[in-house]
Protein backbone atom coordinates (compact mmCIF):
# COMPACT_ATOMS: atom_id res chain seq x y z
CA MET A 1 0.00 0.00 0.00
CA ALA A 2 1.08 3.60 -0.45
CA PHE A 3 1.37 6.16 2.32
CA TYR A 4 0.98 9.86 1.63
CA THR A 5 4.29 11.72 1.72
CA GLU A 6 4.85 15.40 0.99
CA PRO A 7 7.91 16.39 -1.07
CA THR A 8 11.13 17.16 0.74
CA MET A 9 11.61 20.46 2.56
CA SER A 10 12.23 23.28 0.11
CA SER A 11 14.77 26.00 0.72
CA ARG A 12 13.47 29.09 2.45
CA ALA A 13 14.87 32.51 3.20
CA ALA A 14 16.08 32.85 6.76
CA THR A 15 14.62 36.34 6.91
CA HIS A 16 11.08 35.24 5.99
CA GLN A 17 8.65 37.11 8.24
CA ARG A 18 5.48 35.60 9.65
CA SER A 19 3.55 38.86 9.47
CA LYS A 20 0.14 37.21 9.29
CA SER A 21 0.90 35.00 12.27
CA GLN A 22 2.06 38.04 14.22
CA ALA A 23 -1.13 39.92 13.43
CA LEU A 24 -3.25 36.91 14.34
CA GLN A 25 -1.37 36.55 17.63
CA GLN A 26 -1.99 40.20 18.50
CA ARG A 27 -5.70 39.75 17.84
CA ALA A 28 -5.74 36.52 19.87
CA GLU A 29 -4.16 38.23 22.86
CA ARG A 30 -7.11 40.64 22.94
CA LEU A 31 -9.58 37.75 22.91
CA PHE A 32 -8.05 34.85 24.87
CA PRO A 33 -6.01 34.64 28.09
CA GLY A 34 -2.41 34.60 26.90
CA GLY A 35 -3.68 34.60 23.34
CA VAL A 36 -4.42 30.86 23.39
CA ASN A 37 -7.09 28.30 24.19
CA SER A 38 -4.57 25.85 25.69
CA PRO A 39 -1.52 27.15 27.58
CA VAL A 40 1.36 25.27 25.93
CA ARG A 41 0.43 26.77 22.54
CA ALA A 42 1.73 30.13 23.76
CA PHE A 43 5.39 29.00 23.39
CA ARG A 44 6.20 30.63 26.75
CA ALA A 45 8.40 27.65 27.65
CA VAL A 46 10.52 27.81 24.50
CA GLY A 47 10.38 31.44 23.45
CA GLY A 48 9.80 32.72 19.97
CA GLU A 49 6.53 33.36 18.21
CA PRO A 50 3.94 30.60 17.73
CA PRO A 51 2.96 30.22 14.07
CA PHE A 52 -0.75 30.26 13.31
CA VAL A 53 -1.75 27.14 11.41
CA GLU A 54 -3.76 27.44 8.22
CA ARG A 55 -3.81 23.82 7.05
CA ALA A 56 -1.98 20.50 7.25
CA GLN A 57 -1.46 17.53 4.97
CA GLY A 58 0.28 14.26 5.70
CA ALA A 59 3.42 14.96 7.73
CA TRP A 60 3.39 18.70 7.13
CA ILE A 61 1.80 21.78 8.70
CA PHE A 62 1.43 25.09 6.83
CA ASP A 63 1.20 28.42 8.64
CA ALA A 64 -0.68 31.59 7.74
CA ASP A 65 2.37 32.96 5.92
CA GLY A 66 2.79 29.92 3.72
CA LYS A 67 5.76 28.46 5.55
CA ARG A 68 5.67 24.69 6.01
CA TYR A 69 6.97 22.51 8.82
CA ILE A 70 7.52 18.82 9.39
CA ASP A 71 5.08 18.05 12.20
CA TYR A 72 6.28 16.10 15.25
CA PHE A 73 3.42 16.75 17.64
CA GLY A 74 0.51 15.64 15.42
CA SER A 75 -2.21 17.55 17.28
CA TRP A 76 -0.65 16.10 20.45
CA GLY A 77 -0.97 12.51 19.29
CA PRO A 78 -4.16 11.69 17.36
CA MET A 79 -2.85 12.14 13.81
CA ILE A 80 -1.27 8.69 13.64
CA LEU A 81 -2.18 8.34 9.94
CA GLY A 82 -1.13 11.88 9.07
CA HIS A 83 -3.17 15.03 8.60
CA ALA A 84 -6.22 14.98 6.34
CA PHE A 85 -5.98 11.22 5.84
CA PRO A 86 -8.42 10.67 2.94
CA PRO A 87 -10.59 7.88 4.45
CA VAL A 88 -11.08 9.97 7.61
CA VAL A 89 -11.91 13.13 5.67
CA GLU A 90 -14.40 11.25 3.51
CA ALA A 91 -16.06 9.67 6.56
CA ILE A 92 -16.50 13.06 8.22
CA GLU A 93 -17.94 14.55 5.04
CA ARG A 94 -20.47 11.74 4.69
CA ALA A 95 -21.55 12.05 8.31
CA ALA A 96 -21.83 15.84 8.13
CA ARG A 97 -24.36 15.62 5.31
CA ASN A 98 -26.75 14.00 7.78
CA SER A 99 -26.23 16.69 10.47
CA ALA A 100 -23.41 17.52 12.83
CA SER A 101 -25.22 16.44 15.99
CA PHE A 102 -28.39 14.69 17.10
CA GLY A 103 -28.24 14.35 20.88
CA ALA A 104 -29.65 10.88 20.34
CA SER A 105 -28.20 7.39 19.86
CA THR A 106 -26.73 6.34 16.50
CA ALA A 107 -25.45 3.06 15.09
CA ALA A 108 -22.01 4.64 14.64
CA GLU A 109 -21.54 4.68 18.41
CA GLY A 110 -21.83 0.92 18.52
CA ASP A 111 -19.62 0.54 15.45
CA LEU A 112 -16.78 2.43 17.11
CA ALA A 113 -17.32 0.79 20.50
CA GLU A 114 -17.01 -2.68 18.97
CA ARG A 115 -13.69 -1.73 17.40
CA VAL A 116 -12.33 -0.33 20.67
CA ILE A 117 -13.42 -3.40 22.65
CA ALA A 118 -11.89 -5.72 20.05
CA CYS A 119 -8.50 -4.11 20.68
CA TYR A 120 -8.85 -3.82 24.48
CA PRO A 121 -9.84 -7.04 26.30
CA ALA A 122 -9.87 -5.08 29.58
CA ILE A 123 -12.85 -3.10 28.27
CA GLU A 124 -16.15 -4.98 28.44
CA LYS A 125 -18.34 -1.87 28.29
CA LEU A 126 -17.53 1.77 27.67
CA ARG A 127 -18.88 5.30 27.49
CA PHE A 128 -17.92 7.95 24.95
CA VAL A 129 -17.26 11.49 26.15
CA SER A 130 -15.75 14.52 24.44
CA SER A 131 -12.29 14.76 26.01
CA GLY A 132 -9.64 12.92 27.96
CA THR A 133 -10.33 15.15 30.96
CA GLU A 134 -13.96 13.99 30.99
CA ALA A 135 -12.86 10.37 30.66
CA THR A 136 -10.46 10.39 33.61
CA MET A 137 -12.78 12.49 35.78
CA SER A 138 -15.60 10.00 35.16
CA ALA A 139 -13.36 6.99 35.79
CA ILE A 140 -12.33 8.42 39.15
CA ARG A 141 -15.96 9.00 40.15
CA LEU A 142 -16.78 5.45 39.14
CA ALA A 143 -13.86 4.02 41.13
CA ARG A 144 -14.94 5.88 44.26
CA ALA A 145 -18.48 4.63 43.88
CA ALA A 146 -17.37 1.05 43.27
CA THR A 147 -15.10 0.95 46.33
CA GLY A 148 -16.81 3.37 48.71
CA ARG A 149 -13.39 4.99 49.24
CA LYS A 150 -12.14 8.52 48.63
CA ILE A 151 -8.36 8.62 48.16
CA ILE A 152 -6.75 8.45 44.72
CA VAL A 153 -3.10 7.62 44.04
CA LYS A 154 -1.49 9.27 41.01
CA PHE A 155 2.12 9.77 40.01
CA GLU A 156 4.28 12.87 39.79
CA GLY A 157 4.44 14.13 36.21
CA CYS A 158 1.44 12.13 35.02
CA TYR A 159 -1.26 14.38 33.60
CA HIS A 160 -4.85 13.16 33.64
CA GLY A 161 -6.70 16.27 32.54
CA HIS A 162 -7.55 19.43 34.42
CA SER A 163 -10.25 18.24 36.84
CA ASP A 164 -9.60 19.44 40.39
CA GLY A 165 -8.36 16.29 42.06
CA LEU A 166 -5.94 15.34 39.29
CA LEU A 167 -3.93 18.56 39.01
CA VAL A 168 -1.75 17.67 41.99
CA LYS A 169 1.87 17.43 40.74
CA ALA A 170 0.61 16.93 37.21
CA GLY A 171 2.74 16.96 34.10
CA SER A 172 1.93 18.54 30.73
CA GLY A 173 1.42 22.31 30.88
CA VAL A 174 1.56 22.25 34.69
CA ALA A 175 5.14 20.97 34.44
CA THR A 176 5.92 23.24 31.50
CA PHE A 177 5.06 26.36 33.49
CA GLY A 178 6.50 25.12 36.79
CA ILE A 179 3.14 25.20 38.58
CA PRO A 180 2.92 22.76 41.53
CA GLY A 181 -0.83 22.37 41.17
CA SER A 182 -3.46 24.96 40.29
CA ALA A 183 -5.10 27.91 41.96
CA GLY A 184 -8.80 27.33 42.46
CA VAL A 185 -8.45 23.74 43.65
CA PRO A 186 -9.76 23.51 47.23
CA GLU A 187 -7.27 22.05 49.68
CA GLU A 188 -9.92 19.57 50.83
CA ILE A 189 -10.01 18.08 47.32
CA ALA A 190 -6.24 18.13 46.83
CA GLN A 191 -5.79 16.22 50.09
CA LEU A 192 -7.68 13.28 48.60
CA THR A 193 -4.96 12.78 45.97
CA LEU A 194 -1.62 11.18 46.85
CA ALA A 195 1.08 12.02 44.28
CA LEU A 196 3.89 9.49 44.38
CA PRO A 197 7.13 9.02 42.41
CA TYR A 198 6.68 7.07 39.18
CA ASN A 199 8.57 3.76 38.94
CA ASP A 200 8.75 3.46 42.76
CA LEU A 201 6.63 0.47 43.78
CA PRO A 202 7.68 0.57 47.49
CA ALA A 203 6.24 4.12 47.70
CA VAL A 204 2.85 2.78 46.59
CA GLU A 205 3.04 -0.08 49.07
CA ALA A 206 3.80 2.45 51.81
CA ALA A 207 0.79 4.57 50.79
CA PHE A 208 -1.56 1.60 51.11
CA ALA A 209 -0.05 0.79 54.50
CA ALA A 210 -0.54 4.37 55.67
CA HIS A 211 -4.15 4.53 54.41
CA PRO A 212 -5.63 1.07 55.00
CA GLY A 213 -8.98 0.54 53.29
CA ALA A 214 -9.09 4.15 52.08
CA ILE A 215 -7.54 4.17 48.58
CA ALA A 216 -10.14 3.88 45.83
CA ALA A 217 -7.84 3.67 42.83
CA VAL A 218 -4.39 4.01 41.39
CA ILE A 219 -4.36 5.93 38.11
CA LEU A 220 -1.33 6.28 35.87
CA GLU A 221 -0.09 6.75 32.34
CA PRO A 222 1.50 3.32 31.74
CA VAL A 223 4.08 5.16 29.64
CA VAL A 224 4.37 8.72 30.89
CA GLY A 225 3.98 11.20 28.06
CA ASN A 226 3.22 14.41 29.89
CA ALA A 227 6.54 14.82 31.67
CA GLY A 228 8.31 13.85 28.51
CA CYS A 229 8.36 10.18 27.55
CA ILE A 230 9.21 8.01 30.58
CA LEU A 231 9.03 4.23 30.35
CA PRO A 232 7.92 1.85 33.12
CA ALA A 233 10.66 -0.15 34.81
CA ALA A 234 10.60 -3.92 34.38
CA GLY A 235 7.89 -5.39 36.62
CA TYR A 236 6.53 -2.02 37.72
CA LEU A 237 3.14 -2.19 36.01
CA ALA A 238 2.61 -5.82 36.98
CA GLY A 239 3.51 -4.93 40.55
CA LEU A 240 0.92 -2.14 40.63
CA ARG A 241 -1.71 -4.45 39.17
CA ASP A 242 -1.02 -7.10 41.83
CA LEU A 243 -0.94 -4.54 44.63
CA THR A 244 -4.25 -2.90 43.72
CA ALA A 245 -5.94 -6.29 43.36
CA ARG A 246 -4.68 -7.35 46.79
CA GLU A 247 -5.80 -4.10 48.44
CA GLY A 248 -9.24 -3.90 46.79
CA ALA A 249 -8.44 -0.71 44.86
CA LEU A 250 -9.07 -0.21 41.16
CA PHE A 251 -6.23 -0.01 38.65
CA ILE A 252 -6.97 2.73 36.10
CA ALA A 253 -4.80 2.80 32.98
CA ASP A 254 -4.89 6.27 31.44
CA GLU A 255 -4.16 5.51 27.80
CA VAL A 256 -5.45 8.78 26.40
CA MET A 257 -1.99 9.25 24.87
CA THR A 258 -0.68 5.69 24.50
CA GLY A 259 -3.91 4.06 23.33
CA PHE A 260 -3.49 2.77 19.74
CA ARG A 261 -0.19 4.69 19.65
CA VAL A 262 2.37 2.31 21.20
CA ALA A 263 0.48 -0.76 19.92
CA LEU A 264 -2.96 -1.53 18.52
CA GLY A 265 -4.03 -2.48 22.05
CA GLY A 266 -1.98 0.29 23.62
CA ALA A 267 0.30 -0.11 26.61
CA LEU A 268 -1.88 -2.83 28.10
CA GLU A 269 -1.10 -5.00 25.08
CA LEU A 270 2.54 -3.93 24.90
CA TYR A 271 3.24 -4.82 28.53
CA GLY A 272 0.72 -7.62 28.97
CA ILE A 273 -1.25 -5.93 31.76
CA ASP A 274 -4.94 -6.00 32.68
CA ALA A 275 -6.83 -3.06 34.16
CA ASP A 276 -10.13 -2.45 35.93
CA LEU A 277 -10.82 0.78 34.06
CA VAL A 278 -9.18 2.29 30.98
CA THR A 279 -9.34 5.83 29.61
CA LEU A 280 -8.71 6.57 25.95
CA GLY A 281 -8.79 9.57 23.64
CA LYS A 282 -6.71 11.18 20.90
CA ILE A 283 -6.51 8.51 18.18
CA VAL A 284 -9.99 7.11 18.99
CA GLY A 285 -11.49 10.29 17.56
CA GLY A 286 -9.36 10.38 14.43
CA GLY A 287 -8.54 14.02 15.20
CA LEU A 288 -11.99 15.03 16.45
CA PRO A 289 -12.84 15.49 20.15
CA VAL A 290 -13.48 12.06 21.71
CA GLY A 291 -12.70 10.49 25.05
CA VAL A 292 -13.49 7.00 26.31
CA PHE A 293 -13.74 5.41 29.71
CA GLY A 294 -14.48 1.75 29.97
CA GLY A 295 -13.65 -1.42 31.80
CA LYS A 296 -15.10 -4.38 33.59
CA ARG A 297 -18.86 -4.78 33.26
CA ARG A 298 -19.43 -4.88 37.03
CA PHE A 299 -18.01 -1.37 37.34
CA MET A 300 -19.47 0.15 34.19
CA ASP A 301 -22.98 -1.04 35.11
CA LEU A 302 -22.86 1.31 38.09
CA LEU A 303 -23.45 4.18 35.66
CA ALA A 304 -26.88 5.72 35.19
CA PRO A 305 -29.38 4.66 33.96
CA LEU A 306 -28.43 1.22 35.35
CA GLY A 307 -26.81 2.41 38.55
CA PRO A 308 -26.35 5.37 40.92
CA VAL A 309 -23.30 7.04 39.30
CA TYR A 310 -24.37 9.95 37.14
CA GLN A 311 -22.48 10.98 34.03
CA ALA A 312 -23.85 12.64 30.90
CA GLY A 313 -22.87 14.71 27.89
CA THR A 314 -24.94 16.22 25.10
CA LEU A 315 -22.14 15.77 22.55
CA SER A 316 -21.00 12.35 23.76
CA GLY A 317 -20.95 10.00 20.78
CA ASN A 318 -21.07 12.92 18.35
CA PRO A 319 -21.71 11.48 14.85
CA LEU A 320 -18.81 13.30 13.17
CA ALA A 321 -16.38 12.12 15.82
CA MET A 322 -17.72 8.57 15.63
CA ALA A 323 -17.27 8.55 11.86
CA ALA A 324 -13.70 9.78 12.11
CA GLY A 325 -12.94 7.24 14.81
CA VAL A 326 -14.40 4.31 12.89
CA ALA A 327 -12.40 5.23 9.78
CA THR A 328 -9.19 5.52 11.79
CA LEU A 329 -9.54 2.31 13.77
CA GLU A 330 -10.77 0.38 10.74
CA TYR A 331 -7.57 1.31 8.96
CA LEU A 332 -5.33 0.54 11.96
CA GLN A 333 -6.98 -2.84 12.50
CA GLY A 334 -6.81 -3.75 8.83
CA HIS A 335 -3.16 -2.75 8.39
CA ALA A 336 -1.80 -3.16 11.92
CA GLY A 337 1.31 -5.11 11.01
CA GLU A 338 2.44 -2.66 8.37
CA VAL A 339 1.42 0.47 10.28
CA TYR A 340 3.22 -0.36 13.52
CA ARG A 341 6.32 -1.70 11.77
CA ARG A 342 6.52 1.53 9.80
CA LEU A 343 5.97 3.72 12.84
CA GLU A 344 8.63 1.84 14.81
CA ALA A 345 11.20 2.07 12.04
CA THR A 346 10.57 5.73 11.22
CA ALA A 347 10.47 6.86 14.85
CA GLY A 348 13.65 4.95 15.62
CA ALA A 349 15.43 6.50 12.64
CA VAL A 350 14.51 10.10 13.44
CA ALA A 351 14.86 9.88 17.23
CA GLU A 352 18.23 8.14 17.11
CA GLY A 353 19.41 10.23 14.17
CA VAL A 354 18.83 13.49 16.05
CA ALA A 355 20.45 12.03 19.18
CA GLY A 356 23.44 11.16 17.01
CA GLU A 357 23.69 14.76 15.80
CA ALA A 358 23.60 15.90 19.42
CA ALA A 359 26.50 13.60 20.26
CA LYS A 360 28.51 15.01 17.34
CA ALA A 361 27.86 18.52 18.64
CA GLY A 362 28.85 17.59 22.20
CA VAL A 363 25.30 18.03 23.51
CA ARG A 364 24.45 15.51 26.21
CA LEU A 365 20.95 14.14 25.69
CA THR A 366 18.88 11.25 26.99
CA LEU A 367 16.57 9.68 24.44
CA ASN A 368 13.51 7.90 25.85
CA ARG A 369 11.31 6.20 23.25
CA VAL A 370 8.57 3.60 22.99
CA GLY A 371 7.17 3.03 19.52
CA SER A 372 6.27 6.32 17.85
CA MET A 373 6.45 8.54 20.93
CA TRP A 374 9.69 9.84 22.38
CA THR A 375 11.52 12.71 24.10
CA TRP A 376 15.01 14.13 23.73
CA PHE A 377 15.73 15.22 27.31
CA PHE A 378 18.44 17.87 27.54
CA ASN A 379 19.81 15.95 30.48
CA PRO A 380 22.53 13.24 30.54
CA GLY A 381 20.06 10.95 32.33
CA PRO A 382 18.88 8.39 32.94
CA ILE A 383 15.30 9.66 33.13
CA THR A 384 12.99 7.26 34.96
CA ASN A 385 10.74 9.68 36.88
CA TYR A 386 9.54 13.26 36.96
CA GLU A 387 12.15 14.44 39.47
CA GLN A 388 14.91 13.46 37.06
CA ALA A 389 13.08 14.89 34.04
CA ALA A 390 12.62 18.21 35.85
CA LYS A 391 16.42 18.64 36.01
CA SER A 392 16.61 18.96 32.23
CA ASP A 393 18.12 22.10 30.74
CA THR A 394 14.91 23.74 29.55
CA ALA A 395 16.76 26.82 28.29
CA ALA A 396 18.87 24.63 25.99
CA PHE A 397 15.74 22.84 24.82
CA GLY A 398 14.13 26.20 24.07
CA ARG A 399 17.10 27.28 21.93
CA PHE A 400 16.97 23.97 20.06
CA HIS A 401 13.22 24.26 19.55
CA ARG A 402 13.49 27.78 18.12
CA ALA A 403 16.31 26.78 15.78
CA MET A 404 14.39 23.72 14.55
CA LEU A 405 11.25 25.79 13.96
CA ASP A 406 13.25 28.30 11.91
CA LEU A 407 14.59 25.36 9.88
CA GLY A 408 11.09 24.01 9.23
CA VAL A 409 10.70 21.34 11.92
CA TRP A 410 7.92 21.83 14.49
CA LEU A 411 8.57 19.97 17.75
CA PRO A 412 6.32 19.99 20.83
CA PRO A 413 6.96 23.41 22.45
CA SER A 414 7.94 21.99 25.84
CA GLN A 415 10.69 19.78 27.20
CA PHE A 416 7.94 17.97 29.09
CA GLU A 417 5.80 16.84 26.15
CA ALA A 418 6.39 13.73 24.06
CA ALA A 419 6.95 13.94 20.33
CA PHE A 420 4.93 11.87 17.84
CA LEU A 421 5.02 11.01 14.18
CA SER A 422 2.66 9.40 11.70
CA THR A 423 2.62 6.90 8.86
CA ALA A 424 2.90 9.90 6.52
CA HIS A 425 6.46 10.56 7.73
CA GLY A 426 8.95 8.93 5.40
CA ALA A 427 12.63 8.78 4.55
CA GLU A 428 12.71 12.32 3.13
CA GLU A 429 11.19 13.81 6.27
CA VAL A 430 13.59 11.83 8.45
CA ALA A 431 16.64 12.93 6.47
CA ALA A 432 15.50 16.57 6.49
CA THR A 433 14.88 16.46 10.23
CA ILE A 434 18.29 14.99 11.04
CA ALA A 435 20.00 17.53 8.79
CA ALA A 436 18.05 20.35 10.46
CA ALA A 437 19.02 19.05 13.90
CA GLY A 438 22.70 19.09 13.00
CA GLU A 439 22.38 22.73 12.01
CA ALA A 440 20.16 23.57 14.98
CA PHE A 441 22.66 22.22 17.52
CA LYS A 442 25.30 24.46 15.96
CA LEU A 443 23.01 27.49 15.94
CA SER A 444 21.68 27.00 19.47
CA ALA A 445 25.22 26.53 20.82
CA ARG A 446 26.05 30.07 19.66
CA GLN A 447 23.08 31.67 21.43
């Protein structure tokens, strides 16, 4: 089969001005706090001016001034098949002709649910929502109802959305801006969340010992992606699964980022782990807003209208999002072997190629990668938890990011966000990225 690939990066004048982006940014700052609708888009952590996107195709993004960039954040993960993937676009167009929303049940909801469940044995029933934040918030409520307990264990640097109880020592933008939590979260709620070091199983055992019969659930990103990419130590996930089962707490795998990204069945498949509840997002919506929470039938049947746990959403199961999700998962399921082999090979080539250029330039990096998500930490490493990741040289990363952007490569604008690529990235994009990195390390060293 053929994958869409844009032509190689064309030469561009170094003095090219993004006047339209600048004007759009000035307007945005009058309308939105910080000029953005999500904080990390402001580029405060890396400096420079954020381009305003006009369109994207395959592996490339085009800004309002006509400049193009190789995209390594992919709308923060969902664009696994590249931007404007034709089957997804066609599915959305067909669905839109019948109306953008009904607020009533459709067959497409069941079509997508069956595909999700086929890839995730841990999920026996599920609910669609509109965001990962909704999914994790609902899973936590369900876990508390199922156990009759209040306390939640999470891990430092893991981001599970911006609901009150999960912003304690969160990653993502919270880490990017150096915020320990968030104003507006009542202390009484924050006290119900225990934030522990990732990859430290004895710390979790100690928490259960200190709070006997009080911990409702342990929630984690099986592969951390919101403090940069941090992999689980050997036996860590299995140890958490055994510990929660022994203590009567639920094990919640937040695979909003890793779901369908690190494997067709996500991190649960990759590491051979079961879970009581699973949260998904990103790729499930094919680029449109979708979140999922699901799990064992005995827990999911506690939801209204069957049980006492209330959760609702007018746009849950939105027909456009369902259509995009079905088209995406249908393709992934039908071409899984080829897709994941290609992603692994391409991600390995670009991640290791850039790390090689860093070594040539005398820049000490740690590369953490699993499948098609990775981070170049400006830190000699190793990086196995958030405390170590937080010691990275964020100023050096910012210089590198600005240089790469000027050279036509758009990386996630934070040291603490994972990079992603798609099946649309090919040998030409890889070669151009590695060449740009070699130049960027030289440029950033002079700043």
